[in-house]
Amino acid sequence: MQKRISLVTGFAVLVATTAASARLFQPTAIPEALNRANAWIKDHPNRAEGYFFLGGVEGSAWARGTTGKGTEVEITGSGDSNNPPRLVPWTSIMFQRDAALAITPEAIKSLNASIAAYRNAVELDPRNPLYHLGLAWSLEEAARANLHRADIGGDAPRALTDDERLQCEAAIAPLANADAAQREQGTKTLSALMPRDAAILRAVKSDDAEVAARIEYILQGSWLIQAVEQYRKAYQQSVEHDLKADGYDADGDKVISVKAGERLLSLLSTRSGATPDEIKRIKESVQAIKAKPAIRYKIR
């Protein structure tokens, strides 16, 4: 009889736990999630967690849209005086955007808002690697989507001086030069003036495929330079902790140094700015962490 009671009691607890989990992790429409985020930020304007949550919701809106099946976000908690609502821990903030989705003004607005929210979170808590990871991802998305708006996610850039404008205009012609050294020098000069020369570069019309490719590279580079900087901070602030961990938890963004390290290896392989030693250290640490025993303990 005692065993029967224990089994029944255990089943009741399991059912209660499952029901509670379902209530805690209900899919939430983007507009409702944004309302919760903004309401919490209004009451706690100096708390980084609220801006981080907002950045994640806006990032999801950019990547998956705001209406229709599959656009909801799973959040935990409704937000109280001490804790904001949060994305569930098995959701990565590095959303994969559907390439078939059109880049609409509404989508750009969501990405802009995500970048701005993550910037606020980083400013309020610069020692949290997860906040740097979110900002890095949103900046890389701006580059990947070819969003050539120099002022997205921040203040408008300072205007070029007259001398800088002349330098910019003079550096455009060498992009089509037969001499590779001249092309590289022009690219270097124009890159150094980014993002303030973006408007001039966007206005260049050329049938030369290499000129178009180099301008594209320069425009994207402004975003990727910022993304690399943020990925580096996320990696550097988390790698020591992750190397000391007993296991490897691949869910969500639990192992930040792996997420940031893998993006750094990809980005630094196609752009300058990294030493062979840095790439070697990142590669070795990522491999060491991923070789740890896998952690599998979450109940959905």
Protein backbone atom coordinates (compact mmCIF):
# COMPACT_ATOMS: atom_id res chain seq x y z
CA MET A 1 0.00 0.00 0.00
CA GLN A 2 2.85 2.37 0.88
CA LYS A 3 4.43 1.80 -2.55
CA ARG A 4 1.12 2.50 -4.26
CA ILE A 5 0.75 5.78 -2.38
CA SER A 6 4.31 6.77 -3.28
CA LEU A 7 3.76 6.02 -6.95
CA VAL A 8 0.53 7.99 -7.03
CA THR A 9 2.14 10.87 -5.18
CA GLY A 10 5.12 10.85 -7.54
CA PHE A 11 2.82 10.86 -10.58
CA ALA A 12 0.88 13.79 -9.13
CA VAL A 13 4.10 15.73 -8.56
CA LEU A 14 5.24 14.98 -12.12
CA VAL A 15 1.93 16.16 -13.56
CA ALA A 16 2.03 19.29 -11.41
CA THR A 17 5.62 20.01 -12.42
CA THR A 18 4.84 19.52 -16.10
CA ALA A 19 1.81 21.78 -15.86
CA ALA A 20 3.84 24.45 -14.06
CA SER A 21 6.57 24.25 -16.71
CA ALA A 22 3.97 24.66 -19.45
CA ARG A 23 2.69 27.80 -17.75
CA LEU A 24 6.20 29.15 -17.23
CA PHE A 25 7.38 28.60 -20.79
CA GLN A 26 4.39 29.50 -22.92
CA PRO A 27 5.18 30.80 -26.42
CA THR A 28 4.60 34.55 -26.44
CA ALA A 29 3.76 36.75 -29.42
CA ILE A 30 6.42 39.33 -30.29
CA PRO A 31 4.18 42.38 -29.60
CA GLU A 32 3.36 41.05 -26.11
CA ALA A 33 7.01 40.24 -25.40
CA LEU A 34 8.03 43.74 -26.49
CA ASN A 35 5.38 45.25 -24.23
CA ARG A 36 6.74 43.28 -21.27
CA ALA A 37 10.32 44.26 -22.05
CA ASN A 38 9.58 47.96 -22.45
CA ALA A 39 7.39 48.04 -19.34
CA TRP A 40 10.16 46.51 -17.25
CA ILE A 41 12.77 48.88 -18.68
CA LYS A 42 10.52 51.85 -17.92
CA ASP A 43 10.50 50.85 -14.27
CA HIS A 44 14.19 49.84 -14.23
CA PRO A 45 16.01 52.11 -16.72
CA ASN A 46 19.44 51.42 -15.23
CA ARG A 47 19.26 47.62 -15.23
CA ALA A 48 21.12 45.88 -18.05
CA GLU A 49 18.99 42.71 -17.92
CA GLY A 50 15.94 44.46 -19.31
CA TYR A 51 17.81 45.80 -22.32
CA PHE A 52 19.34 42.37 -22.92
CA PHE A 53 15.88 40.79 -22.99
CA LEU A 54 14.64 43.52 -25.34
CA GLY A 55 17.61 42.94 -27.65
CA GLY A 56 16.76 39.25 -27.82
CA VAL A 57 13.09 39.83 -28.62
CA GLU A 58 13.91 42.42 -31.31
CA GLY A 59 16.55 40.04 -32.68
CA SER A 60 13.94 37.31 -32.98
CA ALA A 61 11.61 39.75 -34.74
CA TRP A 62 14.37 40.55 -37.24
CA ALA A 63 15.20 36.90 -37.86
CA ARG A 64 11.73 35.31 -37.85
CA GLY A 65 9.21 38.11 -38.27
CA THR A 66 6.58 39.35 -35.85
CA THR A 67 3.38 37.63 -36.89
CA GLY A 68 2.33 34.16 -37.94
CA LYS A 69 3.29 30.62 -37.03
CA GLY A 70 6.77 30.16 -35.60
CA THR A 71 7.39 33.80 -34.73
CA GLU A 72 6.62 33.55 -31.01
CA VAL A 73 9.38 33.62 -28.39
CA GLU A 74 9.48 31.40 -25.33
CA ILE A 75 9.99 33.46 -22.23
CA THR A 76 10.18 32.61 -18.56
CA GLY A 77 8.56 34.82 -15.95
CA SER A 78 6.38 37.84 -16.40
CA GLY A 79 8.90 40.15 -14.77
CA ASP A 80 8.83 41.36 -11.18
CA SER A 81 10.61 44.06 -9.19
CA ASN A 82 13.84 42.06 -9.10
CA ASN A 83 13.88 40.04 -12.31
CA PRO A 84 12.85 40.88 -15.87
CA PRO A 85 11.23 38.33 -18.15
CA ARG A 86 13.86 36.27 -19.95
CA LEU A 87 14.17 34.06 -22.99
CA VAL A 88 14.20 30.41 -21.96
CA PRO A 89 17.75 29.13 -21.36
CA TRP A 90 17.73 26.66 -24.26
CA THR A 91 17.07 29.44 -26.79
CA SER A 92 20.14 30.98 -28.43
CA ILE A 93 20.09 34.73 -29.01
CA MET A 94 22.04 34.09 -32.22
CA PHE A 95 18.91 33.49 -34.28
CA GLN A 96 19.20 32.03 -37.76
CA ARG A 97 17.37 34.31 -40.19
CA ASP A 98 15.35 32.75 -42.97
CA ALA A 99 17.05 33.83 -46.20
CA ALA A 100 13.65 33.87 -47.92
CA LEU A 101 12.35 36.61 -45.64
CA ALA A 102 12.22 40.02 -47.28
CA ILE A 103 14.27 42.79 -45.67
CA THR A 104 11.41 45.19 -45.02
CA PRO A 105 11.54 48.57 -43.25
CA GLU A 106 9.90 46.83 -40.26
CA ALA A 107 12.65 44.19 -40.20
CA ILE A 108 15.37 46.85 -40.36
CA LYS A 109 13.66 48.68 -37.51
CA SER A 110 13.75 45.49 -35.42
CA LEU A 111 17.46 44.94 -36.12
CA ASN A 112 18.19 48.58 -35.35
CA ALA A 113 16.32 48.24 -32.05
CA SER A 114 18.18 45.02 -31.22
CA ILE A 115 21.57 46.68 -31.76
CA ALA A 116 20.56 49.70 -29.68
CA ALA A 117 19.23 47.52 -26.83
CA TYR A 118 22.36 45.37 -26.72
CA ARG A 119 24.53 48.52 -26.74
CA ASN A 120 22.63 49.74 -23.68
CA ALA A 121 23.10 46.40 -21.93
CA VAL A 122 26.85 46.41 -22.64
CA GLU A 123 27.20 50.00 -21.46
CA LEU A 124 25.43 49.23 -18.17
CA ASP A 125 27.24 45.92 -17.56
CA PRO A 126 30.42 45.69 -19.67
CA ARG A 127 31.67 42.60 -17.81
CA ASN A 128 28.83 40.31 -18.90
CA PRO A 129 30.05 38.23 -21.87
CA LEU A 130 26.51 37.27 -22.89
CA TYR A 131 25.67 40.92 -23.56
CA HIS A 132 28.73 41.27 -25.80
CA LEU A 133 27.70 38.11 -27.64
CA GLY A 134 24.26 39.57 -28.37
CA LEU A 135 25.70 42.84 -29.63
CA ALA A 136 28.26 41.03 -31.79
CA TRP A 137 25.56 38.86 -33.38
CA SER A 138 23.33 41.85 -34.19
CA LEU A 139 26.25 43.76 -35.74
CA GLU A 140 27.21 40.75 -37.84
CA GLU A 141 23.60 40.45 -38.99
CA ALA A 142 23.76 44.07 -40.20
CA ALA A 143 26.79 43.16 -42.31
CA ARG A 144 25.35 39.87 -43.54
CA ALA A 145 22.16 41.58 -44.70
CA ASN A 146 24.09 44.32 -46.51
CA LEU A 147 22.49 47.06 -44.44
CA HIS A 148 24.57 50.00 -45.50
CA ARG A 149 23.11 52.50 -43.05
CA ALA A 150 26.02 54.03 -41.21
CA ASP A 151 23.80 55.32 -38.42
CA ILE A 152 21.89 52.12 -37.61
CA GLY A 153 21.95 51.27 -33.94
CA GLY A 154 23.75 54.44 -32.92
CA ASP A 155 24.28 58.13 -33.40
CA ALA A 156 24.82 59.60 -36.85
CA PRO A 157 28.52 59.60 -37.76
CA ARG A 158 30.54 62.80 -37.84
CA ALA A 159 30.64 64.38 -41.29
CA LEU A 160 33.78 64.19 -43.40
CA THR A 161 36.02 67.24 -43.39
CA ASP A 162 36.80 68.86 -46.74
CA ASP A 163 40.24 67.22 -46.78
CA GLU A 164 38.78 63.82 -45.90
CA ARG A 165 36.19 64.14 -48.65
CA LEU A 166 38.99 64.82 -51.14
CA GLN A 167 40.91 61.78 -49.83
CA CYS A 168 37.81 59.66 -50.24
CA GLU A 169 37.12 60.78 -53.78
CA ALA A 170 40.78 60.33 -54.73
CA ALA A 171 40.83 56.80 -53.30
CA ILE A 172 37.87 55.56 -55.34
CA ALA A 173 39.57 55.66 -58.74
CA PRO A 174 42.47 53.35 -57.71
CA LEU A 175 39.96 50.59 -56.93
CA ALA A 176 39.87 49.94 -60.70
CA ASN A 177 43.64 50.29 -61.17
CA ALA A 178 45.47 47.41 -62.82
CA ASP A 179 48.14 47.66 -60.12
CA ALA A 180 47.13 45.51 -57.13
CA ALA A 181 49.09 47.72 -54.74
CA GLN A 182 47.08 50.76 -55.87
CA ARG A 183 43.81 48.88 -55.38
CA GLU A 184 44.84 47.83 -51.88
CA GLN A 185 45.89 51.37 -50.95
CA GLY A 186 42.55 52.77 -52.14
CA THR A 187 40.69 50.12 -50.15
CA LYS A 188 42.74 50.88 -47.03
CA THR A 189 42.09 54.63 -47.27
CA LEU A 190 38.34 54.19 -47.76
CA SER A 191 38.11 51.63 -44.95
CA ALA A 192 39.83 54.03 -42.56
CA LEU A 193 37.15 56.66 -43.25
CA MET A 194 34.23 54.32 -42.55
CA PRO A 195 31.45 54.74 -41.63
CA ARG A 196 31.63 58.45 -42.46
CA ASP A 197 32.27 57.87 -46.15
CA ALA A 198 29.48 55.29 -46.53
CA ALA A 199 27.12 57.69 -48.32
CA ILE A 200 29.77 58.50 -50.94
CA LEU A 201 30.58 54.83 -51.50
CA ARG A 202 26.94 53.87 -51.87
CA ALA A 203 26.58 56.48 -54.59
CA VAL A 204 29.42 55.04 -56.71
CA LYS A 205 28.18 53.50 -59.97
CA SER A 206 30.57 51.12 -61.70
CA ASP A 207 30.35 48.24 -64.16
CA ASP A 208 33.69 46.96 -62.90
CA ALA A 209 33.03 43.82 -60.85
CA GLU A 210 36.11 44.28 -58.69
CA VAL A 211 35.23 47.88 -57.86
CA ALA A 212 31.73 46.82 -56.82
CA ALA A 213 33.13 43.93 -54.77
CA ARG A 214 35.65 46.13 -52.98
CA ILE A 215 33.03 48.75 -52.12
CA GLU A 216 30.79 45.97 -50.79
CA TYR A 217 33.71 44.68 -48.71
CA ILE A 218 34.40 48.13 -47.27
CA LEU A 219 30.76 48.80 -46.40
CA GLN A 220 30.33 45.44 -44.72
CA GLY A 221 33.68 45.81 -43.01
CA SER A 222 32.46 48.64 -40.82
CA TRP A 223 29.94 46.29 -39.21
CA LEU A 224 32.27 43.30 -39.08
CA ILE A 225 35.05 45.25 -37.37
CA GLN A 226 32.60 46.15 -34.61
CA ALA A 227 31.27 42.58 -34.48
CA VAL A 228 34.77 41.13 -34.13
CA GLU A 229 35.52 43.53 -31.29
CA GLN A 230 32.41 42.39 -29.41
CA TYR A 231 33.00 38.68 -30.13
CA ARG A 232 36.52 39.09 -28.75
CA LYS A 233 35.19 40.58 -25.52
CA ALA A 234 32.60 37.81 -25.17
CA TYR A 235 35.29 35.19 -25.75
CA GLN A 236 37.90 36.74 -23.47
CA GLN A 237 35.45 37.21 -20.60
CA SER A 238 34.20 33.62 -20.68
CA VAL A 239 36.93 31.29 -21.94
CA GLU A 240 38.68 30.77 -18.60
CA HIS A 241 35.41 29.79 -16.91
CA ASP A 242 34.45 27.45 -19.75
CA LEU A 243 37.85 25.73 -19.76
CA LYS A 244 37.48 24.97 -16.04
CA ALA A 245 33.96 23.53 -16.40
CA ASP A 246 33.45 19.79 -15.94
CA GLY A 247 31.34 19.37 -19.07
CA TYR A 248 30.09 20.95 -22.27
CA ASP A 249 26.48 22.19 -22.44
CA ALA A 250 25.55 22.86 -26.06
CA ASP A 251 22.08 24.17 -25.26
CA GLY A 252 21.35 27.83 -25.94
CA ASP A 253 24.31 30.07 -25.21
CA LYS A 254 25.57 28.32 -22.09
CA VAL A 255 29.16 28.07 -23.37
CA ILE A 256 29.73 31.60 -24.59
CA SER A 257 33.40 31.22 -25.46
CA VAL A 258 32.57 28.49 -27.98
CA LYS A 259 29.83 30.56 -29.65
CA ALA A 260 32.06 33.65 -29.81
CA GLY A 261 35.21 31.69 -30.64
CA GLU A 262 33.64 29.91 -33.61
CA ARG A 263 32.40 33.20 -35.06
CA LEU A 264 35.86 34.75 -34.55
CA LEU A 265 37.53 31.88 -36.37
CA SER A 266 35.13 32.31 -39.28
CA LEU A 267 35.41 36.10 -39.49
CA LEU A 268 39.14 36.36 -38.88
CA SER A 269 39.85 33.80 -41.59
CA THR A 270 38.59 36.22 -44.25
CA ARG A 271 39.71 39.54 -42.78
CA SER A 272 42.92 41.04 -41.40
CA GLY A 273 43.40 41.97 -37.76
CA ALA A 274 44.31 38.66 -36.12
CA THR A 275 47.68 37.09 -35.44
CA PRO A 276 48.35 33.38 -36.04
CA ASP A 277 48.83 33.00 -32.28
CA GLU A 278 45.37 34.41 -31.54
CA ILE A 279 43.70 32.10 -34.05
CA LYS A 280 45.66 29.13 -32.67
CA ARG A 281 44.62 29.90 -29.06
CA ILE A 282 40.95 30.28 -29.99
CA LYS A 283 40.92 27.08 -32.04
CA GLU A 284 42.61 25.06 -29.29
CA SER A 285 40.31 26.35 -26.54
CA VAL A 286 37.15 25.69 -28.58
CA GLN A 287 38.31 22.15 -29.33
CA ALA A 288 39.19 21.50 -25.68
CA ILE A 289 35.83 22.73 -24.40
CA LYS A 290 33.79 20.81 -26.97
CA ALA A 291 35.74 17.64 -26.11
CA LYS A 292 34.39 17.69 -22.54
CA PRO A 293 31.60 15.28 -21.56
CA ALA A 294 28.26 16.49 -22.87
CA ILE A 295 25.79 17.80 -20.30
CA ARG A 296 22.23 16.58 -20.82
CA TYR A 297 19.95 17.39 -17.94
CA LYS A 298 17.26 19.78 -19.01
CA ILE A 299 13.56 18.90 -18.78
CA ARG A 300 11.47 20.51 -21.50
